[in-house]
Amino acid sequence: MNWDAEFTEHFDRCADSMRFTAYLLCGNHHEAEDVVQTAFLKLYLAGPKLVRREGLEPYLRRIVVRTFIAERRRVRWRREQLRGELPEQAQAPVLSEDKLVVWDALRSVPAKQRAVLVLRFWHDLGVEETAAALRCTVGTVKSNTNRGLKALRRRLGPAFEELWQEVSRGA
C-alpha cells in the first residue's frame, strides 16, 4: 500500500479521536481543529521517512500533544488573541453539566499538566506510555499528574472527587 492510501486510512480511523484529544487540551474547538490539522500535516510529511509504521496512532497522539504545547509557547508572542467564544457558533453537542465543569477547570491547568491528565485519564495510558508519548521521564509524568490533580482539586473544591470519577469514567 502506498503512503497516500495508508495515510488516508489512518486519517479516517483516528481523526475523531485526535480532535477530541485536542479539544480536551485546548478547550476550544477551533484551536483544536488547527492543532489536529497541523499534526496530520506533520505526520503526512514524515510518513515516507518512517521506517516502522505500525505504531502510527501513539505517534500521532504525541504529535498532537507536542503541537499543542508548542502552540501554547508561541501564543505569548503572537499579536492575535484567541477568544473562547465567537459571535456565531455551530450547535455543539449537549454535554452533561459535570463534564462542562471539569473541562472548564481543565482549561485552567498548565499545558504540560493538562496533556498528562488527558493522556492518563481520557486515553487510559499508563505512566510509562505517557512518558514515551511526551518524551519525558516517568518522574515528570508522575509529578505533572500530581500537580495537575492538585490544581483541579483547588479549582473544583469538595466536589472534585465525585466530578472527576464521573467524567474520567465516561470519557
C-alpha atoms as a PDB file:
ATOM      1  CA  MET A   1       0.000   0.000   0.000  1.00  0.00           C
ATOM      2  CA  ASN A   2       1.399   3.417  -0.894  1.00  0.00           C
ATOM      3  CA  TRP A   3       1.773   6.164   1.717  1.00  0.00           C
ATOM      4  CA  ASP A   4      -1.170   8.268   0.462  1.00  0.00           C
ATOM      5  CA  ALA A   5      -3.582   5.352   0.798  1.00  0.00           C
ATOM      6  CA  GLU A   6      -2.129   4.341   4.158  1.00  0.00           C
ATOM      7  CA  PHE A   7      -2.361   7.931   5.416  1.00  0.00           C
ATOM      8  CA  THR A   8      -5.975   8.266   4.234  1.00  0.00           C
ATOM      9  CA  GLU A   9      -6.915   5.045   6.008  1.00  0.00           C
ATOM     10  CA  HIS A  10      -5.167   6.198   9.177  1.00  0.00           C
ATOM     11  CA  PHE A  11      -6.831   9.621   8.994  1.00  0.00           C
ATOM     12  CA  ASP A  12     -10.285   8.037   8.646  1.00  0.00           C
ATOM     13  CA  ARG A  13      -9.614   5.788  11.641  1.00  0.00           C
ATOM     14  CA  CYS A  14      -8.077   8.373  14.016  1.00  0.00           C
ATOM     15  CA  ALA A  15      -9.350  11.850  13.128  1.00  0.00           C
ATOM     16  CA  ASP A  16     -12.262  11.953  15.602  1.00  0.00           C
ATOM     17  CA  SER A  17     -10.178  10.625  18.479  1.00  0.00           C
ATOM     18  CA  MET A  18      -7.410  13.144  17.793  1.00  0.00           C
ATOM     19  CA  ARG A  19      -9.924  16.009  17.554  1.00  0.00           C
ATOM     20  CA  PHE A  20     -11.348  15.046  20.939  1.00  0.00           C
ATOM     21  CA  THR A  21      -7.864  14.824  22.462  1.00  0.00           C
ATOM     22  CA  ALA A  22      -7.000  18.244  21.031  1.00  0.00           C
ATOM     23  CA  TYR A  23     -10.280  19.681  22.314  1.00  0.00           C
ATOM     24  CA  LEU A  24      -9.541  18.408  25.817  1.00  0.00           C
ATOM     25  CA  LEU A  25      -6.105  20.002  25.604  1.00  0.00           C
ATOM     26  CA  CYS A  26      -7.188  23.319  24.058  1.00  0.00           C
ATOM     27  CA  GLY A  27     -10.700  23.745  25.419  1.00  0.00           C
ATOM     28  CA  ASN A  28     -11.647  25.373  22.120  1.00  0.00           C
ATOM     29  CA  HIS A  29     -12.971  23.598  19.010  1.00  0.00           C
ATOM     30  CA  HIS A  30     -11.339  25.987  16.561  1.00  0.00           C
ATOM     31  CA  GLU A  31      -7.898  25.817  18.120  1.00  0.00           C
ATOM     32  CA  ALA A  32      -8.251  22.039  18.491  1.00  0.00           C
ATOM     33  CA  GLU A  33      -9.009  21.736  14.784  1.00  0.00           C
ATOM     34  CA  ASP A  34      -5.877  23.769  13.973  1.00  0.00           C
ATOM     35  CA  VAL A  35      -3.740  21.559  16.227  1.00  0.00           C
ATOM     36  CA  VAL A  36      -5.101  18.373  14.646  1.00  0.00           C
ATOM     37  CA  GLN A  37      -4.646  19.740  11.140  1.00  0.00           C
ATOM     38  CA  THR A  38      -1.037  20.639  11.900  1.00  0.00           C
ATOM     39  CA  ALA A  39      -0.431  17.229  13.486  1.00  0.00           C
ATOM     40  CA  PHE A  40      -1.810  15.355  10.469  1.00  0.00           C
ATOM     41  CA  LEU A  41       0.284  17.528   8.154  1.00  0.00           C
ATOM     42  CA  LYS A  42       3.410  16.716  10.180  1.00  0.00           C
ATOM     43  CA  LEU A  43       2.531  13.008  10.059  1.00  0.00           C
ATOM     44  CA  TYR A  44       1.918  13.136   6.319  1.00  0.00           C
ATOM     45  CA  LEU A  45       5.256  14.819   5.665  1.00  0.00           C
ATOM     46  CA  ALA A  46       7.141  12.443   7.975  1.00  0.00           C
ATOM     47  CA  GLY A  47       5.370   9.303   6.742  1.00  0.00           C
ATOM     48  CA  PRO A  48       7.586   8.392   3.788  1.00  0.00           C
ATOM     49  CA  LYS A  49      10.657   8.650   6.048  1.00  0.00           C
ATOM     50  CA  LEU A  50       9.252   6.419   8.798  1.00  0.00           C
ATOM     51  CA  VAL A  51      10.872   3.006   8.930  1.00  0.00           C
ATOM     52  CA  ARG A  52       8.172   1.399  11.084  1.00  0.00           C
ATOM     53  CA  ARG A  53       4.577   2.420  10.519  1.00  0.00           C
ATOM     54  CA  GLU A  54       2.832   0.017  12.909  1.00  0.00           C
ATOM     55  CA  GLY A  55       2.514   2.474  15.799  1.00  0.00           C
ATOM     56  CA  LEU A  56       1.088   5.475  13.977  1.00  0.00           C
ATOM     57  CA  GLU A  57      -1.719   6.234  16.449  1.00  0.00           C
ATOM     58  CA  PRO A  58       0.530   6.743  19.505  1.00  0.00           C
ATOM     59  CA  TYR A  59       2.974   8.638  17.279  1.00  0.00           C
ATOM     60  CA  LEU A  60       0.164  10.895  16.031  1.00  0.00           C
ATOM     61  CA  ARG A  61      -1.109  11.421  19.594  1.00  0.00           C
ATOM     62  CA  ARG A  62       2.409  12.512  20.574  1.00  0.00           C
ATOM     63  CA  ILE A  63       2.452  14.950  17.627  1.00  0.00           C
ATOM     64  CA  VAL A  64      -0.924  16.386  18.731  1.00  0.00           C
ATOM     65  CA  VAL A  65       0.264  16.896  22.307  1.00  0.00           C
ATOM     66  CA  ARG A  66       3.617  18.360  21.297  1.00  0.00           C
ATOM     67  CA  THR A  67       1.952  20.667  18.753  1.00  0.00           C
ATOM     68  CA  PHE A  68      -0.451  21.869  21.449  1.00  0.00           C
ATOM     69  CA  ILE A  69       2.417  22.565  23.863  1.00  0.00           C
ATOM     70  CA  ALA A  70       4.416  24.340  21.147  1.00  0.00           C
ATOM     71  CA  GLU A  71       1.382  26.482  20.280  1.00  0.00           C
ATOM     72  CA  ARG A  72       0.985  27.428  23.953  1.00  0.00           C
ATOM     73  CA  ARG A  73       4.569  28.644  23.981  1.00  0.00           C
ATOM     74  CA  ARG A  74       4.043  30.676  20.800  1.00  0.00           C
ATOM     75  CA  VAL A  75       0.755  32.225  21.956  1.00  0.00           C
ATOM     76  CA  ARG A  76       2.670  34.548  24.267  1.00  0.00           C
ATOM     77  CA  TRP A  77       4.485  36.010  21.276  1.00  0.00           C
ATOM     78  CA  ARG A  78       1.517  36.427  18.943  1.00  0.00           C
ATOM     79  CA  ARG A  79      -0.318  39.656  18.441  1.00  0.00           C
ATOM     80  CA  GLU A  80      -3.649  37.996  17.839  1.00  0.00           C
ATOM     81  CA  GLN A  81      -5.604  36.970  20.885  1.00  0.00           C
ATOM     82  CA  LEU A  82      -7.587  33.755  20.949  1.00  0.00           C
ATOM     83  CA  ARG A  83     -11.038  34.189  22.394  1.00  0.00           C
ATOM     84  CA  GLY A  84     -13.053  31.408  23.932  1.00  0.00           C
ATOM     85  CA  GLU A  85     -16.283  32.407  22.247  1.00  0.00           C
ATOM     86  CA  LEU A  86     -17.054  33.519  18.717  1.00  0.00           C
ATOM     87  CA  PRO A  87     -20.108  35.595  17.832  1.00  0.00           C
ATOM     88  CA  GLU A  88     -21.535  32.829  15.645  1.00  0.00           C
ATOM     89  CA  GLN A  89     -21.066  29.205  16.535  1.00  0.00           C
ATOM     90  CA  ALA A  90     -22.414  25.953  15.247  1.00  0.00           C
ATOM     91  CA  GLN A  91     -24.545  23.959  17.648  1.00  0.00           C
ATOM     92  CA  ALA A  92     -22.277  21.950  19.910  1.00  0.00           C
ATOM     93  CA  PRO A  93     -23.377  18.566  21.203  1.00  0.00           C
ATOM     94  CA  VAL A  94     -25.165  18.688  24.533  1.00  0.00           C
ATOM     95  CA  LEU A  95     -22.774  17.791  27.343  1.00  0.00           C
ATOM     96  CA  SER A  96     -23.520  16.971  30.930  1.00  0.00           C
ATOM     97  CA  GLU A  97     -23.029  19.782  33.398  1.00  0.00           C
ATOM     98  CA  ASP A  98     -20.384  17.713  35.207  1.00  0.00           C
ATOM     99  CA  LYS A  99     -18.287  17.408  32.054  1.00  0.00           C
ATOM    100  CA  LEU A 100     -18.584  21.103  31.349  1.00  0.00           C
ATOM    101  CA  VAL A 101     -17.468  21.979  34.874  1.00  0.00           C
ATOM    102  CA  VAL A 102     -14.472  19.629  34.746  1.00  0.00           C
ATOM    103  CA  TRP A 103     -13.465  20.661  31.215  1.00  0.00           C
ATOM    104  CA  ASP A 104     -13.669  24.314  32.216  1.00  0.00           C
ATOM    105  CA  ALA A 105     -11.442  23.602  35.208  1.00  0.00           C
ATOM    106  CA  LEU A 106      -9.089  21.587  32.995  1.00  0.00           C
ATOM    107  CA  ARG A 107      -8.531  24.684  30.844  1.00  0.00           C
ATOM    108  CA  SER A 108      -7.024  26.450  33.855  1.00  0.00           C
ATOM    109  CA  VAL A 109      -4.359  23.756  34.319  1.00  0.00           C
ATOM    110  CA  PRO A 110      -0.953  24.498  32.705  1.00  0.00           C
ATOM    111  CA  ALA A 111      -0.427  22.938  29.268  1.00  0.00           C
ATOM    112  CA  LYS A 112       2.005  20.136  30.200  1.00  0.00           C
ATOM    113  CA  GLN A 113      -0.041  19.082  33.210  1.00  0.00           C
ATOM    114  CA  ARG A 114      -3.200  19.150  31.096  1.00  0.00           C
ATOM    115  CA  ALA A 115      -1.507  16.990  28.457  1.00  0.00           C
ATOM    116  CA  VAL A 116      -0.527  14.438  31.098  1.00  0.00           C
ATOM    117  CA  LEU A 117      -4.043  14.354  32.583  1.00  0.00           C
ATOM    118  CA  VAL A 118      -5.679  13.916  29.168  1.00  0.00           C
ATOM    119  CA  LEU A 119      -3.323  11.098  28.161  1.00  0.00           C
ATOM    120  CA  ARG A 120      -3.501   9.330  31.520  1.00  0.00           C
ATOM    121  CA  PHE A 121      -7.218   9.593  32.284  1.00  0.00           C
ATOM    122  CA  TRP A 122      -9.014  10.028  28.964  1.00  0.00           C
ATOM    123  CA  HIS A 123      -6.780   7.780  26.887  1.00  0.00           C
ATOM    124  CA  ASP A 124      -6.023   5.364  29.734  1.00  0.00           C
ATOM    125  CA  LEU A 125      -2.300   5.422  29.050  1.00  0.00           C
ATOM    126  CA  GLY A 126      -0.013   4.197  31.782  1.00  0.00           C
ATOM    127  CA  VAL A 127       2.750   6.291  33.288  1.00  0.00           C
ATOM    128  CA  GLU A 128       5.389   4.737  31.001  1.00  0.00           C
ATOM    129  CA  GLU A 129       3.252   5.158  27.872  1.00  0.00           C
ATOM    130  CA  THR A 130       2.535   8.783  28.748  1.00  0.00           C
ATOM    131  CA  ALA A 131       6.230   9.424  29.333  1.00  0.00           C
ATOM    132  CA  ALA A 132       7.008   7.909  25.935  1.00  0.00           C
ATOM    133  CA  ALA A 133       4.302   9.999  24.239  1.00  0.00           C
ATOM    134  CA  LEU A 134       5.609  13.199  25.799  1.00  0.00           C
ATOM    135  CA  ARG A 135       9.279  12.212  25.582  1.00  0.00           C
ATOM    136  CA  CYS A 136       9.895  12.855  29.239  1.00  0.00           C
ATOM    137  CA  THR A 137      10.758  10.794  32.289  1.00  0.00           C
ATOM    138  CA  VAL A 138       8.333   8.713  34.324  1.00  0.00           C
ATOM    139  CA  GLY A 139       9.022  11.026  37.270  1.00  0.00           C
ATOM    140  CA  THR A 140       7.990  14.054  35.220  1.00  0.00           C
ATOM    141  CA  VAL A 141       4.709  12.352  34.319  1.00  0.00           C
ATOM    142  CA  LYS A 142       4.045  11.484  37.964  1.00  0.00           C
ATOM    143  CA  SER A 143       4.810  14.997  39.208  1.00  0.00           C
ATOM    144  CA  ASN A 144       2.750  16.639  36.436  1.00  0.00           C
ATOM    145  CA  THR A 145      -0.142  14.274  37.225  1.00  0.00           C
ATOM    146  CA  ASN A 146       0.078  15.166  40.904  1.00  0.00           C
ATOM    147  CA  ARG A 147       0.308  18.915  40.250  1.00  0.00           C
ATOM    148  CA  GLY A 148      -2.495  18.821  37.679  1.00  0.00           C
ATOM    149  CA  LEU A 149      -4.840  16.938  40.001  1.00  0.00           C
ATOM    150  CA  LYS A 150      -3.996  19.341  42.845  1.00  0.00           C
ATOM    151  CA  ALA A 151      -4.822  22.293  40.582  1.00  0.00           C
ATOM    152  CA  LEU A 152      -8.164  20.693  39.671  1.00  0.00           C
ATOM    153  CA  ARG A 153      -8.912  19.959  43.341  1.00  0.00           C
ATOM    154  CA  ARG A 154      -8.250  23.617  44.197  1.00  0.00           C
ATOM    155  CA  ARG A 155     -10.424  24.782  41.334  1.00  0.00           C
ATOM    156  CA  LEU A 156     -13.326  22.369  41.884  1.00  0.00           C
ATOM    157  CA  GLY A 157     -13.264  22.236  45.686  1.00  0.00           C
ATOM    158  CA  PRO A 158     -15.019  19.490  47.646  1.00  0.00           C
ATOM    159  CA  ALA A 159     -16.906  18.174  44.602  1.00  0.00           C
ATOM    160  CA  PHE A 160     -13.649  17.279  42.807  1.00  0.00           C
ATOM    161  CA  GLU A 161     -13.516  13.542  43.594  1.00  0.00           C
ATOM    162  CA  GLU A 162     -17.081  12.858  42.517  1.00  0.00           C
ATOM    163  CA  LEU A 163     -16.878  15.015  39.373  1.00  0.00           C
ATOM    164  CA  TRP A 164     -13.502  13.623  38.338  1.00  0.00           C
ATOM    165  CA  GLN A 165     -14.631   9.994  38.727  1.00  0.00           C
ATOM    166  CA  GLU A 166     -17.803  10.664  36.762  1.00  0.00           C
ATOM    167  CA  VAL A 167     -16.075  12.426  33.884  1.00  0.00           C
ATOM    168  CA  SER A 168     -12.946  10.288  33.552  1.00  0.00           C
ATOM    169  CA  ARG A 169     -15.037   7.095  33.694  1.00  0.00           C
ATOM    170  CA  GLY A 170     -17.384   8.236  30.964  1.00  0.00           C
ATOM    171  CA  ALA A 171     -14.698   9.698  28.662  1.00  0.00           C
END
